[in-house]
Amino acid sequence: MTSKTKFVLDELFKEFEDRHFFTIDDLYIFGLFGTKYAVRQALDSGVLPFIQISKRRRIVPKIALLEYLRINLTNNRNSKSKIHENN
């Protein structure tokens, strides 16, 4: 994992230290997803693990969110590196 990715994840972990679960609204409000629809798509597609609390309520465990972000940040950095190499 690159130092920049690790830095971002460490800062997020500090920010969310007292939180163990996140709602769809939380992820949208924190700016981790552009829309609530994007969060629901991530949950529905299985890319972001969640716990079904009731028929309409889903929560995301902190550890699952951080793992999702770690993977996406790493993939994003790798794809940008490839683009710059090709230019």
PDB file of N, CA and C in Angstrom:
ATOM      1  N   MET A   1       0.851  -1.171   0.000  1.00  0.00           N
ATOM      2  CA  MET A   1       0.000   0.000   0.000  1.00  0.00           C
ATOM      3  C   MET A   1       0.898   1.235   0.000  1.00  0.00           C
ATOM      4  N   THR A   2       0.580   2.195  -0.829  1.00  0.00           N
ATOM      5  CA  THR A   2       1.401   3.395  -0.902  1.00  0.00           C
ATOM      6  C   THR A   2       1.212   4.244   0.348  1.00  0.00           C
ATOM      7  N   SER A   3       2.189   5.098   0.602  1.00  0.00           N
ATOM      8  CA  SER A   3       2.125   5.922   1.806  1.00  0.00           C
ATOM      9  C   SER A   3       0.956   6.904   1.756  1.00  0.00           C
ATOM     10  N   LYS A   4       0.601   7.407   0.576  1.00  0.00           N
ATOM     11  CA  LYS A   4      -0.533   8.333   0.466  1.00  0.00           C
ATOM     12  C   LYS A   4      -1.840   7.631   0.809  1.00  0.00           C
ATOM     13  N   THR A   5      -2.023   6.433   0.297  1.00  0.00           N
ATOM     14  CA  THR A   5      -3.230   5.668   0.590  1.00  0.00           C
ATOM     15  C   THR A   5      -3.298   5.352   2.070  1.00  0.00           C
ATOM     16  N   LYS A   6      -2.173   4.945   2.637  1.00  0.00           N
ATOM     17  CA  LYS A   6      -2.132   4.637   4.064  1.00  0.00           C
ATOM     18  C   LYS A   6      -2.456   5.874   4.893  1.00  0.00           C
ATOM     19  N   PHE A   7      -1.942   7.019   4.490  1.00  0.00           N
ATOM     20  CA  PHE A   7      -2.211   8.265   5.196  1.00  0.00           C
ATOM     21  C   PHE A   7      -3.708   8.575   5.195  1.00  0.00           C
ATOM     22  N   VAL A   8      -4.331   8.473   4.031  1.00  0.00           N
ATOM     23  CA  VAL A   8      -5.762   8.753   3.919  1.00  0.00           C
ATOM     24  C   VAL A   8      -6.562   7.804   4.796  1.00  0.00           C
ATOM     25  N   LEU A   9      -6.243   6.521   4.750  1.00  0.00           N
ATOM     26  CA  LEU A   9      -6.966   5.543   5.556  1.00  0.00           C
ATOM     27  C   LEU A   9      -6.748   5.769   7.050  1.00  0.00           C
ATOM     28  N   ASP A  10      -5.522   6.110   7.436  1.00  0.00           N
ATOM     29  CA  ASP A  10      -5.244   6.395   8.848  1.00  0.00           C
ATOM     30  C   ASP A  10      -6.046   7.594   9.331  1.00  0.00           C
ATOM     31  N   GLU A  11      -6.125   8.634   8.511  1.00  0.00           N
ATOM     32  CA  GLU A  11      -6.887   9.827   8.882  1.00  0.00           C
ATOM     33  C   GLU A  11      -8.383   9.511   8.983  1.00  0.00           C
ATOM     34  N   LEU A  12      -8.893   8.723   8.045  1.00  0.00           N
ATOM     35  CA  LEU A  12     -10.300   8.329   8.109  1.00  0.00           C
ATOM     36  C   LEU A  12     -10.568   7.498   9.350  1.00  0.00           C
ATOM     37  N   PHE A  13      -9.653   6.594   9.680  1.00  0.00           N
ATOM     38  CA  PHE A  13      -9.827   5.753  10.856  1.00  0.00           C
ATOM     39  C   PHE A  13      -9.879   6.618  12.112  1.00  0.00           C
ATOM     40  N   LYS A  14      -9.010   7.631  12.197  1.00  0.00           N
ATOM     41  CA  LYS A  14      -9.039   8.550  13.347  1.00  0.00           C
ATOM     42  C   LYS A  14     -10.365   9.306  13.403  1.00  0.00           C
ATOM     43  N   GLU A  15     -10.802   9.775  12.249  1.00  0.00           N
ATOM     44  CA  GLU A  15     -12.053  10.544  12.172  1.00  0.00           C
ATOM     45  C   GLU A  15     -13.249   9.703  12.619  1.00  0.00           C
ATOM     46  N   PHE A  16     -13.227   8.425  12.269  1.00  0.00           N
ATOM     47  CA  PHE A  16     -14.349   7.536  12.572  1.00  0.00           C
ATOM     48  C   PHE A  16     -14.094   6.673  13.805  1.00  0.00           C
ATOM     49  N   GLU A  17     -13.143   7.058  14.624  1.00  0.00           N
ATOM     50  CA  GLU A  17     -12.716   6.226  15.749  1.00  0.00           C
ATOM     51  C   GLU A  17     -13.862   5.778  16.649  1.00  0.00           C
ATOM     52  N   ASP A  18     -14.792   6.677  16.931  1.00  0.00           N
ATOM     53  CA  ASP A  18     -15.895   6.347  17.838  1.00  0.00           C
ATOM     54  C   ASP A  18     -17.099   5.723  17.132  1.00  0.00           C
ATOM     55  N   ARG A  19     -17.026   5.590  15.813  1.00  0.00           N
ATOM     56  CA  ARG A  19     -18.129   5.007  15.050  1.00  0.00           C
ATOM     57  C   ARG A  19     -17.788   3.568  14.689  1.00  0.00           C
ATOM     58  N   HIS A  20     -18.779   2.688  14.816  1.00  0.00           N
ATOM     59  CA  HIS A  20     -18.564   1.290  14.433  1.00  0.00           C
ATOM     60  C   HIS A  20     -19.387   0.904  13.212  1.00  0.00           C
ATOM     61  N   PHE A  21     -20.436   1.689  12.945  1.00  0.00           N
ATOM     62  CA  PHE A  21     -21.321   1.418  11.818  1.00  0.00           C
ATOM     63  C   PHE A  21     -21.710   2.725  11.141  1.00  0.00           C
ATOM     64  N   PHE A  22     -22.045   2.640   9.852  1.00  0.00           N
ATOM     65  CA  PHE A  22     -22.431   3.810   9.078  1.00  0.00           C
ATOM     66  C   PHE A  22     -23.687   3.516   8.282  1.00  0.00           C
ATOM     67  N   THR A  23     -24.551   4.510   8.179  1.00  0.00           N
ATOM     68  CA  THR A  23     -25.762   4.376   7.379  1.00  0.00           C
ATOM     69  C   THR A  23     -25.483   4.914   5.972  1.00  0.00           C
ATOM     70  N   ILE A  24     -26.435   4.715   5.085  1.00  0.00           N
ATOM     71  CA  ILE A  24     -26.323   5.252   3.734  1.00  0.00           C
ATOM     72  C   ILE A  24     -26.197   6.775   3.797  1.00  0.00           C
ATOM     73  N   ASP A  25     -27.001   7.398   4.646  1.00  0.00           N
ATOM     74  CA  ASP A  25     -26.930   8.852   4.801  1.00  0.00           C
ATOM     75  C   ASP A  25     -25.554   9.297   5.286  1.00  0.00           C
ATOM     76  N   ASP A  26     -24.976   8.570   6.239  1.00  0.00           N
ATOM     77  CA  ASP A  26     -23.635   8.912   6.746  1.00  0.00           C
ATOM     78  C   ASP A  26     -22.613   8.928   5.619  1.00  0.00           C
ATOM     79  N   LEU A  27     -22.611   7.885   4.814  1.00  0.00           N
ATOM     80  CA  LEU A  27     -21.618   7.771   3.742  1.00  0.00           C
ATOM     81  C   LEU A  27     -21.787   8.879   2.706  1.00  0.00           C
ATOM     82  N   TYR A  28     -23.023   9.274   2.464  1.00  0.00           N
ATOM     83  CA  TYR A  28     -23.283  10.376   1.544  1.00  0.00           C
ATOM     84  C   TYR A  28     -22.866  11.713   2.166  1.00  0.00           C
ATOM     85  N   ILE A  29     -23.258  11.954   3.395  1.00  0.00           N
ATOM     86  CA  ILE A  29     -22.959  13.219   4.075  1.00  0.00           C
ATOM     87  C   ILE A  29     -21.451  13.409   4.251  1.00  0.00           C
ATOM     88  N   PHE A  30     -20.725  12.339   4.552  1.00  0.00           N
ATOM     89  CA  PHE A  30     -19.273  12.428   4.720  1.00  0.00           C
ATOM     90  C   PHE A  30     -18.566  12.684   3.393  1.00  0.00           C
ATOM     91  N   GLY A  31     -19.285  12.536   2.285  1.00  0.00           N
ATOM     92  CA  GLY A  31     -18.693  12.792   0.977  1.00  0.00           C
ATOM     93  C   GLY A  31     -17.928  11.613   0.402  1.00  0.00           C
ATOM     94  N   LEU A  32     -18.120  10.434   0.973  1.00  0.00           N
ATOM     95  CA  LEU A  32     -17.430   9.247   0.464  1.00  0.00           C
ATOM     96  C   LEU A  32     -18.073   8.732  -0.813  1.00  0.00           C
ATOM     97  N   PHE A  33     -19.334   9.096  -1.037  1.00  0.00           N
ATOM     98  CA  PHE A  33     -20.057   8.766  -2.256  1.00  0.00           C
ATOM     99  C   PHE A  33     -20.752  10.031  -2.724  1.00  0.00           C
ATOM    100  N   GLY A  34     -20.898  10.197  -4.023  1.00  0.00           N
ATOM    101  CA  GLY A  34     -21.497  11.401  -4.574  1.00  0.00           C
ATOM    102  C   GLY A  34     -22.989  11.520  -4.345  1.00  0.00           C
ATOM    103  N   THR A  35     -23.668  10.376  -4.298  1.00  0.00           N
ATOM    104  CA  THR A  35     -25.119  10.372  -4.091  1.00  0.00           C
ATOM    105  C   THR A  35     -25.501   9.197  -3.206  1.00  0.00           C
ATOM    106  N   LYS A  36     -26.703   9.273  -2.649  1.00  0.00           N
ATOM    107  CA  LYS A  36     -27.206   8.143  -1.865  1.00  0.00           C
ATOM    108  C   LYS A  36     -27.448   6.941  -2.787  1.00  0.00           C
ATOM    109  N   TYR A  37     -27.826   7.238  -4.010  1.00  0.00           N
ATOM    110  CA  TYR A  37     -28.032   6.183  -5.000  1.00  0.00           C
ATOM    111  C   TYR A  37     -26.729   5.407  -5.230  1.00  0.00           C
ATOM    112  N   ALA A  38     -25.601   6.118  -5.277  1.00  0.00           N
ATOM    113  CA  ALA A  38     -24.306   5.457  -5.476  1.00  0.00           C
ATOM    114  C   ALA A  38     -23.985   4.533  -4.308  1.00  0.00           C
ATOM    115  N   VAL A  39     -24.340   4.948  -3.109  1.00  0.00           N
ATOM    116  CA  VAL A  39     -24.120   4.079  -1.934  1.00  0.00           C
ATOM    117  C   VAL A  39     -24.984   2.838  -2.064  1.00  0.00           C
ATOM    118  N   ARG A  40     -26.263   3.025  -2.389  1.00  0.00           N
ATOM    119  CA  ARG A  40     -27.158   1.871  -2.534  1.00  0.00           C
ATOM    120  C   ARG A  40     -26.681   0.923  -3.622  1.00  0.00           C
ATOM    121  N   GLN A  41     -26.149   1.472  -4.715  1.00  0.00           N
ATOM    122  CA  GLN A  41     -25.616   0.632  -5.794  1.00  0.00           C
ATOM    123  C   GLN A  41     -24.430  -0.198  -5.286  1.00  0.00           C
ATOM    124  N   ALA A  42     -23.557   0.406  -4.502  1.00  0.00           N
ATOM    125  CA  ALA A  42     -22.411  -0.319  -3.951  1.00  0.00           C
ATOM    126  C   ALA A  42     -22.881  -1.438  -3.024  1.00  0.00           C
ATOM    127  N   LEU A  43     -23.919  -1.172  -2.250  1.00  0.00           N
ATOM    128  CA  LEU A  43     -24.462  -2.203  -1.355  1.00  0.00           C
ATOM    129  C   LEU A  43     -25.142  -3.303  -2.159  1.00  0.00           C
ATOM    130  N   ASP A  44     -25.985  -2.910  -3.107  1.00  0.00           N
ATOM    131  CA  ASP A  44     -26.739  -3.889  -3.898  1.00  0.00           C
ATOM    132  C   ASP A  44     -25.834  -4.772  -4.756  1.00  0.00           C
ATOM    133  N   SER A  45     -24.729  -4.206  -5.230  1.00  0.00           N
ATOM    134  CA  SER A  45     -23.832  -4.984  -6.087  1.00  0.00           C
ATOM    135  C   SER A  45     -22.928  -5.915  -5.277  1.00  0.00           C
ATOM    136  N   GLY A  46     -22.908  -5.723  -3.963  1.00  0.00           N
ATOM    137  CA  GLY A  46     -22.091  -6.595  -3.115  1.00  0.00           C
ATOM    138  C   GLY A  46     -20.656  -6.129  -2.949  1.00  0.00           C
ATOM    139  N   VAL A  47     -20.321  -4.978  -3.513  1.00  0.00           N
ATOM    140  CA  VAL A  47     -18.953  -4.478  -3.388  1.00  0.00           C
ATOM    141  C   VAL A  47     -18.691  -3.947  -1.984  1.00  0.00           C
ATOM    142  N   LEU A  48     -19.720  -3.421  -1.361  1.00  0.00           N
ATOM    143  CA  LEU A  48     -19.612  -2.879  -0.013  1.00  0.00           C
ATOM    144  C   LEU A  48     -20.485  -3.714   0.917  1.00  0.00           C
ATOM    145  N   PRO A  49     -19.869  -4.523   1.784  1.00  0.00           N
ATOM    146  CA  PRO A  49     -20.638  -5.383   2.687  1.00  0.00           C
ATOM    147  C   PRO A  49     -21.476  -4.559   3.675  1.00  0.00           C
ATOM    148  N   PHE A  50     -22.619  -5.116   4.049  1.00  0.00           N
ATOM    149  CA  PHE A  50     -23.500  -4.416   4.984  1.00  0.00           C
ATOM    150  C   PHE A  50     -24.233  -5.422   5.859  1.00  0.00           C
ATOM    151  N   ILE A  51     -24.909  -4.890   6.871  1.00  0.00           N
ATOM    152  CA  ILE A  51     -25.754  -5.695   7.750  1.00  0.00           C
ATOM    153  C   ILE A  51     -27.170  -5.176   7.586  1.00  0.00           C
ATOM    154  N   GLN A  52     -28.101  -6.089   7.323  1.00  0.00           N
ATOM    155  CA  GLN A  52     -29.506  -5.713   7.159  1.00  0.00           C
ATOM    156  C   GLN A  52     -30.136  -5.667   8.550  1.00  0.00           C
ATOM    157  N   ILE A  53     -30.518  -4.469   9.016  1.00  0.00           N
ATOM    158  CA  ILE A  53     -31.097  -4.289  10.344  1.00  0.00           C
ATOM    159  C   ILE A  53     -32.608  -4.525  10.317  1.00  0.00           C
ATOM    160  N   SER A  54     -33.242  -4.003   9.301  1.00  0.00           N
ATOM    161  CA  SER A  54     -34.673  -4.193   9.109  1.00  0.00           C
ATOM    162  C   SER A  54     -34.927  -4.222   7.605  1.00  0.00           C
ATOM    163  N   LYS A  55     -36.176  -4.264   7.229  1.00  0.00           N
ATOM    164  CA  LYS A  55     -36.504  -4.342   5.807  1.00  0.00           C
ATOM    165  C   LYS A  55     -35.901  -3.174   5.017  1.00  0.00           C
ATOM    166  N   ARG A  56     -35.870  -1.974   5.619  1.00  0.00           N
ATOM    167  CA  ARG A  56     -35.399  -0.796   4.905  1.00  0.00           C
ATOM    168  C   ARG A  56     -34.107  -0.210   5.462  1.00  0.00           C
ATOM    169  N   ARG A  57     -33.526  -0.821   6.453  1.00  0.00           N
ATOM    170  CA  ARG A  57     -32.342  -0.226   7.102  1.00  0.00           C
ATOM    171  C   ARG A  57     -31.132  -1.138   6.965  1.00  0.00           C
ATOM    172  N   ARG A  58     -30.067  -0.567   6.370  1.00  0.00           N
ATOM    173  CA  ARG A  58     -28.811  -1.289   6.213  1.00  0.00           C
ATOM    174  C   ARG A  58     -27.689  -0.434   6.809  1.00  0.00           C
ATOM    175  N   ILE A  59     -26.754  -1.095   7.466  1.00  0.00           N
ATOM    176  CA  ILE A  59     -25.603  -0.381   8.006  1.00  0.00           C
ATOM    177  C   ILE A  59     -24.327  -1.061   7.529  1.00  0.00           C
ATOM    178  N   VAL A  60     -23.283  -0.259   7.429  1.00  0.00           N
ATOM    179  CA  VAL A  60     -21.988  -0.752   6.957  1.00  0.00           C
ATOM    180  C   VAL A  60     -21.021  -0.735   8.142  1.00  0.00           C
ATOM    181  N   PRO A  61     -20.419  -1.882   8.474  1.00  0.00           N
ATOM    182  CA  PRO A  61     -19.420  -1.900   9.541  1.00  0.00           C
ATOM    183  C   PRO A  61     -18.190  -1.084   9.147  1.00  0.00           C
ATOM    184  N   LYS A  62     -17.576  -0.446  10.126  1.00  0.00           N
ATOM    185  CA  LYS A  62     -16.417   0.411   9.860  1.00  0.00           C
ATOM    186  C   LYS A  62     -15.308  -0.357   9.154  1.00  0.00           C
ATOM    187  N   ILE A  63     -15.021  -1.560   9.599  1.00  0.00           N
ATOM    188  CA  ILE A  63     -13.920  -2.333   9.013  1.00  0.00           C
ATOM    189  C   ILE A  63     -14.198  -2.635   7.540  1.00  0.00           C
ATOM    190  N   ALA A  64     -15.463  -2.896   7.185  1.00  0.00           N
ATOM    191  CA  ALA A  64     -15.823  -3.155   5.783  1.00  0.00           C
ATOM    192  C   ALA A  64     -15.667  -1.894   4.946  1.00  0.00           C
ATOM    193  N   LEU A  65     -16.048  -0.747   5.522  1.00  0.00           N
ATOM    194  CA  LEU A  65     -15.900   0.518   4.808  1.00  0.00           C
ATOM    195  C   LEU A  65     -14.431   0.839   4.565  1.00  0.00           C
ATOM    196  N   LEU A  66     -13.598   0.675   5.569  1.00  0.00           N
ATOM    197  CA  LEU A  66     -12.178   0.978   5.406  1.00  0.00           C
ATOM    198  C   LEU A  66     -11.521   0.042   4.392  1.00  0.00           C
ATOM    199  N   GLU A  67     -11.910  -1.212   4.380  1.00  0.00           N
ATOM    200  CA  GLU A  67     -11.362  -2.163   3.399  1.00  0.00           C
ATOM    201  C   GLU A  67     -11.811  -1.779   1.983  1.00  0.00           C
ATOM    202  N   TYR A  68     -13.070  -1.412   1.842  1.00  0.00           N
ATOM    203  CA  TYR A  68     -13.594  -0.963   0.544  1.00  0.00           C
ATOM    204  C   TYR A  68     -12.811   0.255   0.056  1.00  0.00           C
ATOM    205  N   LEU A  69     -12.592   1.221   0.937  1.00  0.00           N
ATOM    206  CA  LEU A  69     -11.851   2.423   0.561  1.00  0.00           C
ATOM    207  C   LEU A  69     -10.397   2.105   0.231  1.00  0.00           C
ATOM    208  N   ARG A  70      -9.787   1.211   0.995  1.00  0.00           N
ATOM    209  CA  ARG A  70      -8.395   0.838   0.729  1.00  0.00           C
ATOM    210  C   ARG A  70      -8.261   0.244  -0.666  1.00  0.00           C
ATOM    211  N   ILE A  71      -9.146  -0.654  -1.005  1.00  0.00           N
ATOM    212  CA  ILE A  71      -9.105  -1.295  -2.325  1.00  0.00           C
ATOM    213  C   ILE A  71      -9.337  -0.271  -3.424  1.00  0.00           C
ATOM    214  N   ASN A  72     -10.338   0.588  -3.257  1.00  0.00           N
ATOM    215  CA  ASN A  72     -10.649   1.572  -4.294  1.00  0.00           C
ATOM    216  C   ASN A  72      -9.577   2.637  -4.423  1.00  0.00           C
ATOM    217  N   LEU A  73      -8.991   3.072  -3.326  1.00  0.00           N
ATOM    218  CA  LEU A  73      -7.914   4.059  -3.403  1.00  0.00           C
ATOM    219  C   LEU A  73      -6.701   3.467  -4.108  1.00  0.00           C
ATOM    220  N   THR A  74      -6.383   2.224  -3.790  1.00  0.00           N
ATOM    221  CA  THR A  74      -5.246   1.558  -4.426  1.00  0.00           C
ATOM    222  C   THR A  74      -5.500   1.373  -5.921  1.00  0.00           C
ATOM    223  N   ASN A  75      -6.696   0.902  -6.272  1.00  0.00           N
ATOM    224  CA  ASN A  75      -7.039   0.705  -7.687  1.00  0.00           C
ATOM    225  C   ASN A  75      -7.034   2.032  -8.437  1.00  0.00           C
ATOM    226  N   ASN A  76      -7.536   3.076  -7.809  1.00  0.00           N
ATOM    227  CA  ASN A  76      -7.578   4.394  -8.441  1.00  0.00           C
ATOM    228  C   ASN A  76      -6.165   4.914  -8.695  1.00  0.00           C
ATOM    229  N   ARG A  77      -5.280   4.781  -7.719  1.00  0.00           N
ATOM    230  CA  ARG A  77      -3.895   5.230  -7.878  1.00  0.00           C
ATOM    231  C   ARG A  77      -3.193   4.421  -8.968  1.00  0.00           C
ATOM    232  N   ASN A  78      -3.434   3.111  -8.996  1.00  0.00           N
ATOM    233  CA  ASN A  78      -2.800   2.263 -10.011  1.00  0.00           C
ATOM    234  C   ASN A  78      -3.276   2.624 -11.414  1.00  0.00           C
ATOM    235  N   SER A  79      -4.560   2.898 -11.573  1.00  0.00           N
ATOM    236  CA  SER A  79      -5.068   3.239 -12.907  1.00  0.00           C
ATOM    237  C   SER A  79      -4.539   4.599 -13.351  1.00  0.00           C
ATOM    238  N   LYS A  80      -4.401   5.542 -12.437  1.00  0.00           N
ATOM    239  CA  LYS A  80      -3.840   6.847 -12.791  1.00  0.00           C
ATOM    240  C   LYS A  80      -2.370   6.715 -13.171  1.00  0.00           C
ATOM    241  N   SER A  81      -1.632   5.833 -12.496  1.00  0.00           N
ATOM    242  CA  SER A  81      -0.221   5.613 -12.820  1.00  0.00           C
ATOM    243  C   SER A  81      -0.083   5.068 -14.234  1.00  0.00           C
ATOM    244  N   LYS A  82      -0.951   4.144 -14.605  1.00  0.00           N
ATOM    245  CA  LYS A  82      -0.905   3.551 -15.940  1.00  0.00           C
ATOM    246  C   LYS A  82      -1.210   4.589 -17.008  1.00  0.00           C
ATOM    247  N   ILE A  83      -2.143   5.487 -16.723  1.00  0.00           N
ATOM    248  CA  ILE A  83      -2.496   6.529 -17.680  1.00  0.00           C
ATOM    249  C   ILE A  83      -1.288   7.438 -17.916  1.00  0.00           C
ATOM    250  N   HIS A  84      -0.620   7.822 -16.827  1.00  0.00           N
ATOM    251  CA  HIS A  84       0.545   8.705 -16.952  1.00  0.00           C
ATOM    252  C   HIS A  84       1.710   8.006 -17.673  1.00  0.00           C
ATOM    253  N   GLU A  85       1.866   6.705 -17.483  1.00  0.00           N
ATOM    254  CA  GLU A  85       2.926   5.954 -18.152  1.00  0.00           C
ATOM    255  C   GLU A  85       2.681   5.906 -19.665  1.00  0.00           C
ATOM    256  N   ASN A  86       1.417   5.822 -20.054  1.00  0.00           N
ATOM    257  CA  ASN A  86       1.080   5.705 -21.473  1.00  0.00           C
ATOM    258  C   ASN A  86       1.200   7.031 -22.214  1.00  0.00           C
ATOM    259  N   ASN A  87       1.204   8.141 -21.495  1.00  0.00           N
ATOM    260  CA  ASN A  87       1.256   9.464 -22.156  1.00  0.00           C
ATOM    261  C   ASN A  87       2.653   9.894 -22.379  1.00  0.00           C
TER     262      ASN A  87
END
